[in-house]
């Protein structure tokens, strides 16, 4: 059943503890932290001169907009529902491969999902420029490892490893789409029993995603992933639409046509590739919304885009 805007905002506020006095700091559930690599440090990050820190760029204390940088010890933030139904979702927030967003593309979504029985895992992944030894594959390493580790511990998380999807935003959408199309590519040496398990998501949701590394690329993400002058081979390898096959997971796409940061052509390219490969795909395009719209109260009151989490949950619950 579709929810009204009032229902969504009220549910989001109650679940996240956001019904505080005007001007008060919004409370976002902290969740459990789990480092994904044995010893904590990811491949190629040992000895890196990184200082992991969180920065809040918001001017509104009631609406935080934090991000992480200097990441050498990638980790999952786990949000468990009171009544888990077996479904789980790995979230890869955006940040242009320069940072990893914490709130609007991560923690704020968790209450909406856990309220419907979904166990949420938010991945704080490493960034290409901070791990030069592995560069463009470093986020994919972390995403593959996260999927395998979650499946390895599925029983303790009370989830079904066959119902573990991924949702990615912006550059995190590129991480998700790359995982969804290159889940079987070996990008790191196995480290334990978890790495014997598959990394393929059961479904993937790509929200205003970076897909193309060519003419429709988000220049900032491409430059930080591949450098200012990528070769044709690099553009080919890291344009996710060019690697869609019948094995690519069923896909949900969401984009605003007026997105001037990541052009809507990115979603259109991926949609076309899915159709050509026979992959089940659902796409929702909106006239207005721009880039990085998040969800709920961050979206203008007169924009039906606010319903997108409802549409996603209807899709995620099928099959």
Foldseek 3Di string as FASTA:
>chain_A
DFDDLVVVQVQLCVLQVLPDDAQAAGHFDQADKDFLDVVQFDPQLPPQPFDWDKDWPDPGRSDTKIWIARDGRKIKGKDAAPAAPQAEEEEFEDDLLHIGIDPLRHRSCRSVQSVVRYIYIYIRFHGQVRRVVQFQCRLLVRLLSVLLVCCVCVVVSVHDSLRYAYEYFAQRLLSRLCCLQPQPPDSDDDDDPSNVDTSHGQEYERELYQAFLPDQGQQSSNCRRANNDHDPVVRCNSRSLNRDALSRHEYEYEEECPAPRRHPVSVVSNVVSCVVRVHHYHYDYHPDQYGPQRERPSGDPPGPCNSVVVVVVVVSPDD
